[in-house]
């Protein structure tokens, strides 16, 4: 039996041990909270009302970034691309994605801040 046959077995045992250990420690933590009189259900995540807006604007920004990059690459480089220009096209794509994605997140922040300022 070589080393290659042991890899799936070790991975399975390791993954099982990891899941079991995490579950055991979470249960132990909850039991300690109950012993101290703390309700373990209070740590549940509160709903975030603007999370869909944030991700929606981020996705729109990324899509706009890709479109702007596509039109920029086609307009600047035309139909023929030389060898050295591939790196510039990739830089334009990534730059546009991050710029417009960031603009989407900034827009989300402005909308959230305006809404929070209006709340009593």
C-alpha atoms as a PDB file:
ATOM      1  CA  UNK A   1       0.000   0.000   0.000  1.00  0.00           C
ATOM      2  CA  UNK A   2       1.621   3.217  -1.182  1.00  0.00           C
ATOM      3  CA  UNK A   3       1.177   6.790  -0.083  1.00  0.00           C
ATOM      4  CA  UNK A   4      -1.401   7.621  -2.749  1.00  0.00           C
ATOM      5  CA  UNK A   5      -4.034   5.320  -1.257  1.00  0.00           C
ATOM      6  CA  UNK A   6      -3.677   6.949   2.163  1.00  0.00           C
ATOM      7  CA  UNK A   7      -4.402  10.486   0.963  1.00  0.00           C
ATOM      8  CA  UNK A   8      -8.207  10.121   0.608  1.00  0.00           C
ATOM      9  CA  UNK A   9      -8.421   8.247   3.914  1.00  0.00           C
ATOM     10  CA  UNK A  10      -6.403  10.867   5.782  1.00  0.00           C
ATOM     11  CA  UNK A  11      -8.392  13.689   4.174  1.00  0.00           C
ATOM     12  CA  UNK A  12     -11.705  12.073   5.140  1.00  0.00           C
ATOM     13  CA  UNK A  13     -10.597  11.405   8.727  1.00  0.00           C
ATOM     14  CA  UNK A  14      -9.149  14.912   9.012  1.00  0.00           C
ATOM     15  CA  UNK A  15     -12.302  16.561   7.676  1.00  0.00           C
ATOM     16  CA  UNK A  16     -14.504  14.466   9.953  1.00  0.00           C
ATOM     17  CA  UNK A  17     -12.316  15.353  12.949  1.00  0.00           C
ATOM     18  CA  UNK A  18     -12.454  19.039  12.056  1.00  0.00           C
ATOM     19  CA  UNK A  19     -16.253  19.113  11.784  1.00  0.00           C
ATOM     20  CA  UNK A  20     -16.661  17.022  14.939  1.00  0.00           C
ATOM     21  CA  UNK A  21     -14.213  19.209  16.883  1.00  0.00           C
ATOM     22  CA  UNK A  22     -15.883  22.457  15.842  1.00  0.00           C
ATOM     23  CA  UNK A  23     -19.320  21.082  16.706  1.00  0.00           C
ATOM     24  CA  UNK A  24     -18.045  19.831  20.076  1.00  0.00           C
ATOM     25  CA  UNK A  25     -16.500  23.200  20.972  1.00  0.00           C
ATOM     26  CA  UNK A  26     -19.620  25.156  19.965  1.00  0.00           C
ATOM     27  CA  UNK A  27     -21.757  22.854  22.104  1.00  0.00           C
ATOM     28  CA  UNK A  28     -19.328  23.223  25.022  1.00  0.00           C
ATOM     29  CA  UNK A  29     -19.452  27.020  24.676  1.00  0.00           C
ATOM     30  CA  UNK A  30     -23.257  27.008  24.720  1.00  0.00           C
ATOM     31  CA  UNK A  31     -23.304  24.770  27.811  1.00  0.00           C
ATOM     32  CA  UNK A  32     -20.932  27.166  29.613  1.00  0.00           C
ATOM     33  CA  UNK A  33     -23.209  30.084  28.710  1.00  0.00           C
ATOM     34  CA  UNK A  34     -26.236  28.244  30.084  1.00  0.00           C
ATOM     35  CA  UNK A  35     -24.375  27.474  33.333  1.00  0.00           C
ATOM     36  CA  UNK A  36     -23.638  31.181  33.782  1.00  0.00           C
ATOM     37  CA  UNK A  37     -27.259  32.127  33.131  1.00  0.00           C
ATOM     38  CA  UNK A  38     -26.691  33.654  29.696  1.00  0.00           C
ATOM     39  CA  UNK A  39     -29.109  32.831  26.903  1.00  0.00           C
ATOM     40  CA  UNK A  40     -27.042  31.303  24.077  1.00  0.00           C
ATOM     41  CA  UNK A  41     -29.673  32.321  21.503  1.00  0.00           C
ATOM     42  CA  UNK A  42     -28.982  36.038  21.980  1.00  0.00           C
ATOM     43  CA  UNK A  43     -25.866  35.897  19.792  1.00  0.00           C
ATOM     44  CA  UNK A  44     -27.836  35.321  16.625  1.00  0.00           C
ATOM     45  CA  UNK A  45     -27.040  37.675  13.796  1.00  0.00           C
ATOM     46  CA  UNK A  46     -29.252  40.696  13.473  1.00  0.00           C
ATOM     47  CA  UNK A  47     -30.767  41.249  10.040  1.00  0.00           C
ATOM     48  CA  UNK A  48     -28.901  43.696   7.856  1.00  0.00           C
ATOM     49  CA  UNK A  49     -31.459  45.642   5.831  1.00  0.00           C
ATOM     50  CA  UNK A  50     -29.057  47.047   3.247  1.00  0.00           C
ATOM     51  CA  UNK A  51     -27.055  43.919   2.417  1.00  0.00           C
ATOM     52  CA  UNK A  52     -28.991  43.217  -0.784  1.00  0.00           C
ATOM     53  CA  UNK A  53     -28.665  46.848  -1.845  1.00  0.00           C
ATOM     54  CA  UNK A  54     -24.934  46.719  -1.215  1.00  0.00           C
ATOM     55  CA  UNK A  55     -24.391  43.539  -3.208  1.00  0.00           C
ATOM     56  CA  UNK A  56     -26.766  44.661  -5.944  1.00  0.00           C
ATOM     57  CA  UNK A  57     -24.914  47.916  -6.440  1.00  0.00           C
ATOM     58  CA  UNK A  58     -21.600  46.077  -6.303  1.00  0.00           C
ATOM     59  CA  UNK A  59     -22.714  43.673  -9.051  1.00  0.00           C
ATOM     60  CA  UNK A  60     -24.048  46.537 -11.186  1.00  0.00           C
ATOM     61  CA  UNK A  61     -20.751  48.345 -10.699  1.00  0.00           C
ATOM     62  CA  UNK A  62     -18.753  45.277 -11.694  1.00  0.00           C
ATOM     63  CA  UNK A  63     -20.914  44.778 -14.770  1.00  0.00           C
ATOM     64  CA  UNK A  64     -20.524  48.414 -15.787  1.00  0.00           C
ATOM     65  CA  UNK A  65     -16.778  48.091 -15.223  1.00  0.00           C
ATOM     66  CA  UNK A  66     -16.605  45.110 -17.565  1.00  0.00           C
ATOM     67  CA  UNK A  67     -18.627  46.900 -20.226  1.00  0.00           C
ATOM     68  CA  UNK A  68     -16.522  50.058 -19.998  1.00  0.00           C
ATOM     69  CA  UNK A  69     -13.358  47.960 -20.159  1.00  0.00           C
ATOM     70  CA  UNK A  70     -14.652  46.069 -23.197  1.00  0.00           C
ATOM     71  CA  UNK A  71     -15.493  49.266 -25.067  1.00  0.00           C
ATOM     72  CA  UNK A  72     -12.187  50.854 -24.022  1.00  0.00           C
ATOM     73  CA  UNK A  73     -10.125  47.893 -25.201  1.00  0.00           C
ATOM     74  CA  UNK A  74     -12.039  47.648 -28.487  1.00  0.00           C
ATOM     75  CA  UNK A  75     -11.837  51.399 -29.055  1.00  0.00           C
ATOM     76  CA  UNK A  76      -8.198  51.906 -28.094  1.00  0.00           C
ATOM     77  CA  UNK A  77      -6.692  48.755 -29.519  1.00  0.00           C
ATOM     78  CA  UNK A  78      -9.133  48.165 -32.341  1.00  0.00           C
ATOM     79  CA  UNK A  79      -9.606  44.744 -33.846  1.00  0.00           C
ATOM     80  CA  UNK A  80      -5.916  43.845 -34.009  1.00  0.00           C
ATOM     81  CA  UNK A  81      -4.060  43.218 -30.758  1.00  0.00           C
ATOM     82  CA  UNK A  82      -0.297  43.032 -30.729  1.00  0.00           C
ATOM     83  CA  UNK A  83       1.630  40.860 -28.269  1.00  0.00           C
ATOM     84  CA  UNK A  84       2.559  43.633 -25.818  1.00  0.00           C
ATOM     85  CA  UNK A  85      -0.958  45.008 -25.620  1.00  0.00           C
ATOM     86  CA  UNK A  86      -2.513  41.965 -23.925  1.00  0.00           C
ATOM     87  CA  UNK A  87      -1.186  43.095 -20.550  1.00  0.00           C
ATOM     88  CA  UNK A  88      -2.613  46.564 -21.054  1.00  0.00           C
ATOM     89  CA  UNK A  89      -6.026  45.142 -21.910  1.00  0.00           C
ATOM     90  CA  UNK A  90      -6.004  42.984 -18.772  1.00  0.00           C
ATOM     91  CA  UNK A  91      -5.032  46.017 -16.693  1.00  0.00           C
ATOM     92  CA  UNK A  92      -7.915  47.982 -18.189  1.00  0.00           C
ATOM     93  CA  UNK A  93     -10.365  45.169 -17.369  1.00  0.00           C
ATOM     94  CA  UNK A  94      -9.246  44.785 -13.763  1.00  0.00           C
ATOM     95  CA  UNK A  95      -8.974  48.533 -13.216  1.00  0.00           C
ATOM     96  CA  UNK A  96     -12.473  49.133 -14.545  1.00  0.00           C
ATOM     97  CA  UNK A  97     -13.933  46.289 -12.491  1.00  0.00           C
ATOM     98  CA  UNK A  98     -12.469  47.610  -9.247  1.00  0.00           C
ATOM     99  CA  UNK A  99     -13.257  51.264  -9.972  1.00  0.00           C
ATOM    100  CA  UNK A 100     -16.900  50.646 -10.798  1.00  0.00           C
ATOM    101  CA  UNK A 101     -17.293  48.042  -8.041  1.00  0.00           C
ATOM    102  CA  UNK A 102     -15.941  50.600  -5.582  1.00  0.00           C
ATOM    103  CA  UNK A 103     -18.293  53.244  -6.958  1.00  0.00           C
ATOM    104  CA  UNK A 104     -21.179  50.820  -6.385  1.00  0.00           C
ATOM    105  CA  UNK A 105     -20.157  50.351  -2.745  1.00  0.00           C
ATOM    106  CA  UNK A 106     -19.725  54.108  -2.250  1.00  0.00           C
ATOM    107  CA  UNK A 107     -23.200  54.658  -3.718  1.00  0.00           C
ATOM    108  CA  UNK A 108     -24.561  52.059  -1.304  1.00  0.00           C
ATOM    109  CA  UNK A 109     -22.877  53.860   1.605  1.00  0.00           C
ATOM    110  CA  UNK A 110     -24.350  57.221   0.583  1.00  0.00           C
ATOM    111  CA  UNK A 111     -27.863  55.719   0.330  1.00  0.00           C
ATOM    112  CA  UNK A 112     -27.532  53.961   3.706  1.00  0.00           C
ATOM    113  CA  UNK A 113     -26.163  57.089   5.419  1.00  0.00           C
ATOM    114  CA  UNK A 114     -28.948  59.242   4.016  1.00  0.00           C
ATOM    115  CA  UNK A 115     -31.537  56.747   5.270  1.00  0.00           C
ATOM    116  CA  UNK A 116     -29.926  56.458   8.713  1.00  0.00           C
ATOM    117  CA  UNK A 117     -29.751  60.253   9.081  1.00  0.00           C
ATOM    118  CA  UNK A 118     -33.504  60.473   8.446  1.00  0.00           C
ATOM    119  CA  UNK A 119     -34.302  57.937  11.203  1.00  0.00           C
ATOM    120  CA  UNK A 120     -35.338  59.412  14.587  1.00  0.00           C
END
